[in-house]
Amino acid sequence: MARRPILSALAFEGSEPIAEAPSAARRFLTDVQAV
């Protein structure tokens, strides 16, 4: 049986630091591994 995709969605309005996006991607992939 195929695995269901694992999803994450992030919205940026322009006021957040750009560095937040790669940090969020790292947290997402860390969770993909751990969970």
Full PDB file with SEQRES, HELIX, SHEET, SSBOND, CRYST1, ORIGX, SCALE, CONECT and MASTER records, all heavy atoms in Angstrom:
SEQRES   1 A   35  MET ALA ARG ARG PRO ILE LEU SER ALA LEU ALA PHE GLU          
SEQRES   2 A   35  GLY SER GLU PRO ILE ALA GLU ALA PRO SER ALA ALA ARG          
SEQRES   3 A   35  ARG PHE LEU THR ASP VAL GLN ALA VAL                          
HELIX    1 AA1 GLU A   20  ALA A   34  1                                  15    
CRYST1    1.000    1.000    1.000  90.00  90.00  90.00 P 1           1          
ORIGX1      1.000000  0.000000  0.000000        0.00000                         
ORIGX2      0.000000  1.000000  0.000000        0.00000                         
ORIGX3      0.000000  0.000000  1.000000        0.00000                         
SCALE1      1.000000  0.000000  0.000000        0.00000                         
SCALE2      0.000000  1.000000  0.000000        0.00000                         
SCALE3      0.000000  0.000000  1.000000        0.00000                         
ATOM      1  N   MET A   1       0.826  -1.159   0.000  1.00  0.00           N  
ATOM      2  CA  MET A   1       0.000   0.000   0.000  1.00  0.00           C  
ATOM      3  C   MET A   1       0.888   1.245   0.000  1.00  0.00           C  
ATOM      4  O   MET A   1       1.870   1.322   0.708  1.00  0.00           O  
ATOM      5  CB  MET A   1      -0.900  -0.001   1.228  1.00  0.00           C  
ATOM      6  CG  MET A   1      -1.663   1.252   1.281  1.00  0.00           C  
ATOM      7  SD  MET A   1      -3.073   1.518   2.311  1.00  0.00           S  
ATOM      8  CE  MET A   1      -3.187   0.626   3.686  1.00  0.00           C  
ATOM      9  N   ALA A   2       0.529   2.226  -0.823  1.00  0.00           N  
ATOM     10  CA  ALA A   2       1.307   3.454  -0.939  1.00  0.00           C  
ATOM     11  C   ALA A   2       1.114   4.316   0.300  1.00  0.00           C  
ATOM     12  O   ALA A   2       0.035   4.357   0.879  1.00  0.00           O  
ATOM     13  CB  ALA A   2       0.882   4.221  -2.187  1.00  0.00           C  
ATOM     14  N   ARG A   3       2.181   4.983   0.686  1.00  0.00           N  
ATOM     15  CA  ARG A   3       2.109   5.907   1.814  1.00  0.00           C  
ATOM     16  C   ARG A   3       1.367   7.160   1.418  1.00  0.00           C  
ATOM     17  O   ARG A   3       1.487   7.640   0.295  1.00  0.00           O  
ATOM     18  CB  ARG A   3       3.512   6.328   2.238  1.00  0.00           C  
ATOM     19  CG  ARG A   3       4.142   5.406   3.174  1.00  0.00           C  
ATOM     20  CD  ARG A   3       5.368   6.065   3.745  1.00  0.00           C  
ATOM     21  NE  ARG A   3       5.844   5.201   4.788  1.00  0.00           N  
ATOM     22  CZ  ARG A   3       6.923   5.394   5.488  1.00  0.00           C  
ATOM     23  NH1 ARG A   3       7.663   6.438   5.261  1.00  0.00           N  
ATOM     24  NH2 ARG A   3       7.279   4.556   6.402  1.00  0.00           N  
ATOM     25  N   ARG A   4       0.624   7.704   2.339  1.00  0.00           N  
ATOM     26  CA  ARG A   4      -0.037   8.981   2.097  1.00  0.00           C  
ATOM     27  C   ARG A   4       1.013  10.085   2.154  1.00  0.00           C  
ATOM     28  O   ARG A   4       1.941  10.018   2.962  1.00  0.00           O  
ATOM     29  CB  ARG A   4      -1.104   9.220   3.154  1.00  0.00           C  
ATOM     30  CG  ARG A   4      -2.187   8.145   3.113  1.00  0.00           C  
ATOM     31  CD  ARG A   4      -3.247   8.391   4.120  1.00  0.00           C  
ATOM     32  NE  ARG A   4      -4.016   9.549   3.654  1.00  0.00           N  
ATOM     33  CZ  ARG A   4      -4.797  10.282   4.431  1.00  0.00           C  
ATOM     34  NH1 ARG A   4      -4.906  10.007   5.696  1.00  0.00           N  
ATOM     35  NH2 ARG A   4      -5.457  11.292   3.951  1.00  0.00           N  
ATOM     36  N   PRO A   5       0.871  11.105   1.327  1.00  0.00           N  
ATOM     37  CA  PRO A   5       1.828  12.213   1.378  1.00  0.00           C  
ATOM     38  C   PRO A   5       1.789  12.913   2.734  1.00  0.00           C  
ATOM     39  O   PRO A   5       0.757  12.958   3.397  1.00  0.00           O  
ATOM     40  CB  PRO A   5       1.358  13.161   0.280  1.00  0.00           C  
ATOM     41  CG  PRO A   5       0.321  12.433  -0.494  1.00  0.00           C  
ATOM     42  CD  PRO A   5      -0.134  11.269   0.318  1.00  0.00           C  
ATOM     43  N   ILE A   6       2.898  13.466   3.122  1.00  0.00           N  
ATOM     44  CA  ILE A   6       3.018  14.251   4.338  1.00  0.00           C  
ATOM     45  C   ILE A   6       3.103  15.709   3.898  1.00  0.00           C  
ATOM     46  O   ILE A   6       3.936  16.063   3.068  1.00  0.00           O  
ATOM     47  CB  ILE A   6       4.275  13.839   5.124  1.00  0.00           C  
ATOM     48  CG1 ILE A   6       4.236  12.344   5.418  1.00  0.00           C  
ATOM     49  CG2 ILE A   6       4.395  14.651   6.398  1.00  0.00           C  
ATOM     50  CD1 ILE A   6       5.573  11.764   5.789  1.00  0.00           C  
ATOM     51  N   LEU A   7       2.246  16.554   4.435  1.00  0.00           N  
ATOM     52  CA  LEU A   7       2.116  17.923   3.949  1.00  0.00           C  
ATOM     53  C   LEU A   7       2.442  18.961   5.006  1.00  0.00           C  
ATOM     54  O   LEU A   7       2.241  18.732   6.193  1.00  0.00           O  
ATOM     55  CB  LEU A   7       0.678  18.168   3.478  1.00  0.00           C  
ATOM     56  CG  LEU A   7       0.122  17.220   2.444  1.00  0.00           C  
ATOM     57  CD1 LEU A   7      -1.374  17.425   2.289  1.00  0.00           C  
ATOM     58  CD2 LEU A   7       0.818  17.423   1.123  1.00  0.00           C  
ATOM     59  N   SER A   8       2.895  20.108   4.536  1.00  0.00           N  
ATOM     60  CA  SER A   8       3.070  21.282   5.374  1.00  0.00           C  
ATOM     61  C   SER A   8       2.792  22.500   4.501  1.00  0.00           C  
ATOM     62  O   SER A   8       3.221  22.548   3.353  1.00  0.00           O  
ATOM     63  CB  SER A   8       4.497  21.362   5.910  1.00  0.00           C  
ATOM     64  OG  SER A   8       4.684  22.541   6.638  1.00  0.00           O  
ATOM     65  N   ALA A   9       2.071  23.463   5.004  1.00  0.00           N  
ATOM     66  CA  ALA A   9       1.793  24.696   4.267  1.00  0.00           C  
ATOM     67  C   ALA A   9       2.167  25.886   5.141  1.00  0.00           C  
ATOM     68  O   ALA A   9       1.872  25.912   6.329  1.00  0.00           O  
ATOM     69  CB  ALA A   9       0.317  24.764   3.886  1.00  0.00           C  
ATOM     70  N   LEU A  10       2.836  26.857   4.544  1.00  0.00           N  
ATOM     71  CA  LEU A  10       3.262  28.053   5.252  1.00  0.00           C  
ATOM     72  C   LEU A  10       2.840  29.272   4.447  1.00  0.00           C  
ATOM     73  O   LEU A  10       2.975  29.286   3.229  1.00  0.00           O  
ATOM     74  CB  LEU A  10       4.784  28.074   5.404  1.00  0.00           C  
ATOM     75  CG  LEU A  10       5.420  26.853   6.061  1.00  0.00           C  
ATOM     76  CD1 LEU A  10       6.908  26.850   5.827  1.00  0.00           C  
ATOM     77  CD2 LEU A  10       5.123  26.864   7.545  1.00  0.00           C  
ATOM     78  N   ALA A  11       2.343  30.279   5.101  1.00  0.00           N  
ATOM     79  CA  ALA A  11       1.978  31.532   4.452  1.00  0.00           C  
ATOM     80  C   ALA A  11       2.925  32.619   4.947  1.00  0.00           C  
ATOM     81  O   ALA A  11       3.214  32.706   6.142  1.00  0.00           O  
ATOM     82  CB  ALA A  11       0.536  31.902   4.771  1.00  0.00           C  
ATOM     83  N   PHE A  12       3.407  33.431   4.033  1.00  0.00           N  
ATOM     84  CA  PHE A  12       4.286  34.545   4.364  1.00  0.00           C  
ATOM     85  C   PHE A  12       3.645  35.814   3.835  1.00  0.00           C  
ATOM     86  O   PHE A  12       3.307  35.905   2.663  1.00  0.00           O  
ATOM     87  CB  PHE A  12       5.674  34.343   3.744  1.00  0.00           C  
ATOM     88  CG  PHE A  12       6.397  33.167   4.305  1.00  0.00           C  
ATOM     89  CD1 PHE A  12       6.280  31.922   3.712  1.00  0.00           C  
ATOM     90  CD2 PHE A  12       7.176  33.285   5.435  1.00  0.00           C  
ATOM     91  CE1 PHE A  12       6.931  30.819   4.236  1.00  0.00           C  
ATOM     92  CE2 PHE A  12       7.828  32.199   5.966  1.00  0.00           C  
ATOM     93  CZ  PHE A  12       7.709  30.963   5.370  1.00  0.00           C  
ATOM     94  N   GLU A  13       3.488  36.790   4.705  1.00  0.00           N  
ATOM     95  CA  GLU A  13       2.848  38.040   4.319  1.00  0.00           C  
ATOM     96  C   GLU A  13       3.853  39.100   3.903  1.00  0.00           C  
ATOM     97  O   GLU A  13       3.482  40.134   3.384  1.00  0.00           O  
ATOM     98  CB  GLU A  13       1.991  38.558   5.471  1.00  0.00           C  
ATOM     99  CG  GLU A  13       0.847  37.624   5.801  1.00  0.00           C  
ATOM    100  CD  GLU A  13       0.038  38.117   6.982  1.00  0.00           C  
ATOM    101  OE1 GLU A  13       0.123  39.318   7.307  1.00  0.00           O  
ATOM    102  OE2 GLU A  13      -0.665  37.296   7.573  1.00  0.00           O  
ATOM    103  N   GLY A  14       5.125  38.844   4.115  1.00  0.00           N  
ATOM    104  CA  GLY A  14       6.147  39.807   3.732  1.00  0.00           C  
ATOM    105  C   GLY A  14       6.822  40.477   4.909  1.00  0.00           C  
ATOM    106  O   GLY A  14       7.850  41.115   4.749  1.00  0.00           O  
ATOM    107  N   SER A  15       6.261  40.343   6.102  1.00  0.00           N  
ATOM    108  CA  SER A  15       6.877  40.973   7.267  1.00  0.00           C  
ATOM    109  C   SER A  15       7.789  40.013   8.027  1.00  0.00           C  
ATOM    110  O   SER A  15       8.592  40.443   8.850  1.00  0.00           O  
ATOM    111  CB  SER A  15       5.792  41.512   8.204  1.00  0.00           C  
ATOM    112  OG  SER A  15       4.953  40.457   8.643  1.00  0.00           O  
ATOM    113  N   GLU A  16       7.667  38.720   7.751  1.00  0.00           N  
ATOM    114  CA  GLU A  16       8.505  37.734   8.444  1.00  0.00           C  
ATOM    115  C   GLU A  16       9.921  37.765   7.870  1.00  0.00           C  
ATOM    116  O   GLU A  16      10.112  38.057   6.703  1.00  0.00           O  
ATOM    117  CB  GLU A  16       7.956  36.314   8.250  1.00  0.00           C  
ATOM    118  CG  GLU A  16       6.536  36.124   8.653  1.00  0.00           C  
ATOM    119  CD  GLU A  16       5.554  36.486   7.542  1.00  0.00           C  
ATOM    120  OE1 GLU A  16       5.944  36.948   6.470  1.00  0.00           O  
ATOM    121  OE2 GLU A  16       4.363  36.326   7.790  1.00  0.00           O  
ATOM    122  N   PRO A  17      10.906  37.433   8.688  1.00  0.00           N  
ATOM    123  CA  PRO A  17      12.262  37.330   8.146  1.00  0.00           C  
ATOM    124  C   PRO A  17      12.334  36.178   7.139  1.00  0.00           C  
ATOM    125  O   PRO A  17      11.727  35.121   7.337  1.00  0.00           O  
ATOM    126  CB  PRO A  17      13.136  37.036   9.363  1.00  0.00           C  
ATOM    127  CG  PRO A  17      12.255  37.113  10.555  1.00  0.00           C  
ATOM    128  CD  PRO A  17      10.841  37.188  10.109  1.00  0.00           C  
ATOM    129  N   ILE A  18      13.069  36.397   6.065  1.00  0.00           N  
ATOM    130  CA  ILE A  18      13.218  35.358   5.042  1.00  0.00           C  
ATOM    131  C   ILE A  18      13.801  34.092   5.661  1.00  0.00           C  
ATOM    132  O   ILE A  18      13.461  32.982   5.260  1.00  0.00           O  
ATOM    133  CB  ILE A  18      14.086  35.869   3.874  1.00  0.00           C  
ATOM    134  CG1 ILE A  18      13.314  36.944   3.107  1.00  0.00           C  
ATOM    135  CG2 ILE A  18      14.496  34.741   2.948  1.00  0.00           C  
ATOM    136  CD1 ILE A  18      14.120  37.651   2.037  1.00  0.00           C  
ATOM    137  N   ALA A  19      14.656  34.236   6.666  1.00  0.00           N  
ATOM    138  CA  ALA A  19      15.289  33.079   7.307  1.00  0.00           C  
ATOM    139  C   ALA A  19      14.272  32.141   7.950  1.00  0.00           C  
ATOM    140  O   ALA A  19      14.598  30.988   8.236  1.00  0.00           O  
ATOM    141  CB  ALA A  19      16.302  33.541   8.344  1.00  0.00           C  
ATOM    142  N   GLU A  20      13.047  32.597   8.176  1.00  0.00           N  
ATOM    143  CA  GLU A  20      12.033  31.726   8.782  1.00  0.00           C  
ATOM    144  C   GLU A  20      11.654  30.579   7.843  1.00  0.00           C  
ATOM    145  O   GLU A  20      11.355  29.485   8.293  1.00  0.00           O  
ATOM    146  CB  GLU A  20      10.793  32.542   9.159  1.00  0.00           C  
ATOM    147  CG  GLU A  20       9.676  31.741   9.762  1.00  0.00           C  
ATOM    148  CD  GLU A  20      10.076  30.946  11.009  1.00  0.00           C  
ATOM    149  OE1 GLU A  20      10.981  31.361  11.753  1.00  0.00           O  
ATOM    150  OE2 GLU A  20       9.467  29.882  11.235  1.00  0.00           O  
ATOM    151  N   ALA A  21      11.672  30.822   6.542  1.00  0.00           N  
ATOM    152  CA  ALA A  21      11.248  29.792   5.583  1.00  0.00           C  
ATOM    153  C   ALA A  21      12.171  28.567   5.595  1.00  0.00           C  
ATOM    154  O   ALA A  21      11.684  27.443   5.750  1.00  0.00           O  
ATOM    155  CB  ALA A  21      11.125  30.380   4.183  1.00  0.00           C  
ATOM    156  N   PRO A  22      13.492  28.718   5.452  1.00  0.00           N  
ATOM    157  CA  PRO A  22      14.339  27.522   5.507  1.00  0.00           C  
ATOM    158  C   PRO A  22      14.311  26.846   6.876  1.00  0.00           C  
ATOM    159  O   PRO A  22      14.403  25.614   6.962  1.00  0.00           O  
ATOM    160  CB  PRO A  22      15.736  28.012   5.155  1.00  0.00           C  
ATOM    161  CG  PRO A  22      15.648  29.461   4.924  1.00  0.00           C  
ATOM    162  CD  PRO A  22      14.241  29.896   5.045  1.00  0.00           C  
ATOM    163  N   SER A  23      14.150  27.621   7.945  1.00  0.00           N  
ATOM    164  CA  SER A  23      14.038  27.024   9.273  1.00  0.00           C  
ATOM    165  C   SER A  23      12.778  26.178   9.381  1.00  0.00           C  
ATOM    166  O   SER A  23      12.791  25.085   9.955  1.00  0.00           O  
ATOM    167  CB  SER A  23      14.023  28.109  10.354  1.00  0.00           C  
ATOM    168  OG  SER A  23      15.222  28.828  10.342  1.00  0.00           O  
ATOM    169  N   ALA A  24      11.680  26.667   8.815  1.00  0.00           N  
ATOM    170  CA  ALA A  24      10.425  25.908   8.820  1.00  0.00           C  
ATOM    171  C   ALA A  24      10.574  24.641   7.987  1.00  0.00           C  
ATOM    172  O   ALA A  24      10.066  23.575   8.368  1.00  0.00           O  
ATOM    173  CB  ALA A  24       9.283  26.767   8.286  1.00  0.00           C  
ATOM    174  N   ALA A  25      11.282  24.713   6.869  1.00  0.00           N  
ATOM    175  CA  ALA A  25      11.514  23.521   6.039  1.00  0.00           C  
ATOM    176  C   ALA A  25      12.342  22.490   6.811  1.00  0.00           C  
ATOM    177  O   ALA A  25      12.055  21.288   6.766  1.00  0.00           O  
ATOM    178  CB  ALA A  25      12.216  23.909   4.735  1.00  0.00           C  
ATOM    179  N   ARG A  26      13.338  22.954   7.544  1.00  0.00           N  
ATOM    180  CA  ARG A  26      14.162  22.037   8.357  1.00  0.00           C  
ATOM    181  C   ARG A  26      13.312  21.350   9.426  1.00  0.00           C  
ATOM    182  O   ARG A  26      13.420  20.147   9.637  1.00  0.00           O  
ATOM    183  CB  ARG A  26      15.330  22.780   8.985  1.00  0.00           C  
ATOM    184  CG  ARG A  26      16.226  21.877   9.817  1.00  0.00           C  
ATOM    185  CD  ARG A  26      17.460  22.610  10.307  1.00  0.00           C  
ATOM    186  NE  ARG A  26      18.444  21.688  10.787  1.00  0.00           N  
ATOM    187  CZ  ARG A  26      19.247  20.931  10.058  1.00  0.00           C  
ATOM    188  NH1 ARG A  26      19.184  20.995   8.754  1.00  0.00           N  
ATOM    189  NH2 ARG A  26      20.109  20.105  10.599  1.00  0.00           N  
ATOM    190  N   ARG A  27      12.475  22.129  10.116  1.00  0.00           N  
ATOM    191  CA  ARG A  27      11.602  21.531  11.142  1.00  0.00           C  
ATOM    192  C   ARG A  27      10.667  20.492  10.509  1.00  0.00           C  
ATOM    193  O   ARG A  27      10.458  19.422  11.072  1.00  0.00           O  
ATOM    194  CB  ARG A  27      10.788  22.623  11.840  1.00  0.00           C  
ATOM    195  CG  ARG A  27      11.593  23.460  12.810  1.00  0.00           C  
ATOM    196  CD  ARG A  27      10.711  24.359  13.665  1.00  0.00           C  
ATOM    197  NE  ARG A  27       9.883  25.268  12.891  1.00  0.00           N  
ATOM    198  CZ  ARG A  27      10.268  26.461  12.458  1.00  0.00           C  
ATOM    199  NH1 ARG A  27      11.478  26.905  12.720  1.00  0.00           N  
ATOM    200  NH2 ARG A  27       9.419  27.225  11.782  1.00  0.00           N  
ATOM    201  N   PHE A  28      10.118  20.811   9.356  1.00  0.00           N  
ATOM    202  CA  PHE A  28       9.227  19.885   8.662  1.00  0.00           C  
ATOM    203  C   PHE A  28       9.964  18.578   8.342  1.00  0.00           C  
ATOM    204  O   PHE A  28       9.471  17.485   8.636  1.00  0.00           O  
ATOM    205  CB  PHE A  28       8.691  20.531   7.379  1.00  0.00           C  
ATOM    206  CG  PHE A  28       7.952  19.580   6.481  1.00  0.00           C  
ATOM    207  CD1 PHE A  28       6.701  19.090   6.836  1.00  0.00           C  
ATOM    208  CD2 PHE A  28       8.494  19.189   5.261  1.00  0.00           C  
ATOM    209  CE1 PHE A  28       6.011  18.216   5.998  1.00  0.00           C  
ATOM    210  CE2 PHE A  28       7.813  18.324   4.425  1.00  0.00           C  
ATOM    211  CZ  PHE A  28       6.572  17.833   4.798  1.00  0.00           C  
ATOM    212  N   LEU A  29      11.155  18.663   7.757  1.00  0.00           N  
ATOM    213  CA  LEU A  29      11.888  17.454   7.383  1.00  0.00           C  
ATOM    214  C   LEU A  29      12.393  16.691   8.609  1.00  0.00           C  
ATOM    215  O   LEU A  29      12.460  15.454   8.588  1.00  0.00           O  
ATOM    216  CB  LEU A  29      13.041  17.795   6.444  1.00  0.00           C  
ATOM    217  CG  LEU A  29      12.612  18.253   5.052  1.00  0.00           C  
ATOM    218  CD1 LEU A  29      13.829  18.654   4.225  1.00  0.00           C  
ATOM    219  CD2 LEU A  29      11.803  17.175   4.341  1.00  0.00           C  
ATOM    220  N   THR A  30      12.715  17.397   9.682  1.00  0.00           N  
ATOM    221  CA  THR A  30      13.094  16.730  10.927  1.00  0.00           C  
ATOM    222  C   THR A  30      11.917  15.924  11.462  1.00  0.00           C  
ATOM    223  O   THR A  30      12.083  14.779  11.900  1.00  0.00           O  
ATOM    224  CB  THR A  30      13.575  17.769  11.963  1.00  0.00           C  
ATOM    225  OG1 THR A  30      14.722  18.436  11.423  1.00  0.00           O  
ATOM    226  CG2 THR A  30      13.943  17.117  13.275  1.00  0.00           C  
ATOM    227  N   ASP A  31      10.714  16.491  11.398  1.00  0.00           N  
ATOM    228  CA  ASP A  31       9.506  15.763  11.806  1.00  0.00           C  
ATOM    229  C   ASP A  31       9.231  14.575  10.885  1.00  0.00           C  
ATOM    230  O   ASP A  31       8.795  13.521  11.348  1.00  0.00           O  
ATOM    231  CB  ASP A  31       8.286  16.683  11.821  1.00  0.00           C  
ATOM    232  CG  ASP A  31       8.298  17.656  12.987  1.00  0.00           C  
ATOM    233  OD1 ASP A  31       9.134  17.486  13.903  1.00  0.00           O  
ATOM    234  OD2 ASP A  31       7.472  18.594  12.968  1.00  0.00           O  
ATOM    235  N   VAL A  32       9.471  14.738   9.600  1.00  0.00           N  
ATOM    236  CA  VAL A  32       9.277  13.635   8.647  1.00  0.00           C  
ATOM    237  C   VAL A  32      10.135  12.443   9.074  1.00  0.00           C  
ATOM    238  O   VAL A  32       9.675  11.304   9.072  1.00  0.00           O  
ATOM    239  CB  VAL A  32       9.616  14.088   7.204  1.00  0.00           C  
ATOM    240  CG1 VAL A  32       9.824  12.907   6.270  1.00  0.00           C  
ATOM    241  CG2 VAL A  32       8.518  15.003   6.668  1.00  0.00           C  
ATOM    242  N   GLN A  33      11.364  12.718   9.476  1.00  0.00           N  
ATOM    243  CA  GLN A  33      12.255  11.641   9.926  1.00  0.00           C  
ATOM    244  C   GLN A  33      11.799  11.060  11.265  1.00  0.00           C  
ATOM    245  O   GLN A  33      11.671   9.843  11.413  1.00  0.00           O  
ATOM    246  CB  GLN A  33      13.685  12.158  10.088  1.00  0.00           C  
ATOM    247  CG  GLN A  33      14.399  12.420   8.808  1.00  0.00           C  
ATOM    248  CD  GLN A  33      15.858  12.742   9.057  1.00  0.00           C  
ATOM    249  OE1 GLN A  33      16.700  11.915   8.776  1.00  0.00           O  
ATOM    250  NE2 GLN A  33      16.158  13.924   9.582  1.00  0.00           N  
ATOM    251  N   ALA A  34      11.578  11.930  12.232  1.00  0.00           N  
ATOM    252  CA  ALA A  34      11.296  11.478  13.596  1.00  0.00           C  
ATOM    253  C   ALA A  34       9.927  10.823  13.725  1.00  0.00           C  
ATOM    254  O   ALA A  34       9.787   9.786  14.377  1.00  0.00           O  
ATOM    255  CB  ALA A  34      11.400  12.655  14.565  1.00  0.00           C  
ATOM    256  N   VAL A  35       8.920  11.403  13.122  1.00  0.00           N  
ATOM    257  CA  VAL A  35       7.551  10.927  13.299  1.00  0.00           C  
ATOM    258  C   VAL A  35       7.189   9.829  12.310  1.00  0.00           C  
ATOM    259  O   VAL A  35       6.529   8.854  12.662  1.00  0.00           O  
ATOM    260  CB  VAL A  35       6.545  12.107  13.187  1.00  0.00           C  
ATOM    261  CG1 VAL A  35       5.107  11.629  13.235  1.00  0.00           C  
ATOM    262  CG2 VAL A  35       6.809  13.138  14.269  1.00  0.00           C  
TER     263      VAL A  35                                                      
MASTER        0    0    0    1    0    0    0    6  262    1    0    3          
END                                                                             
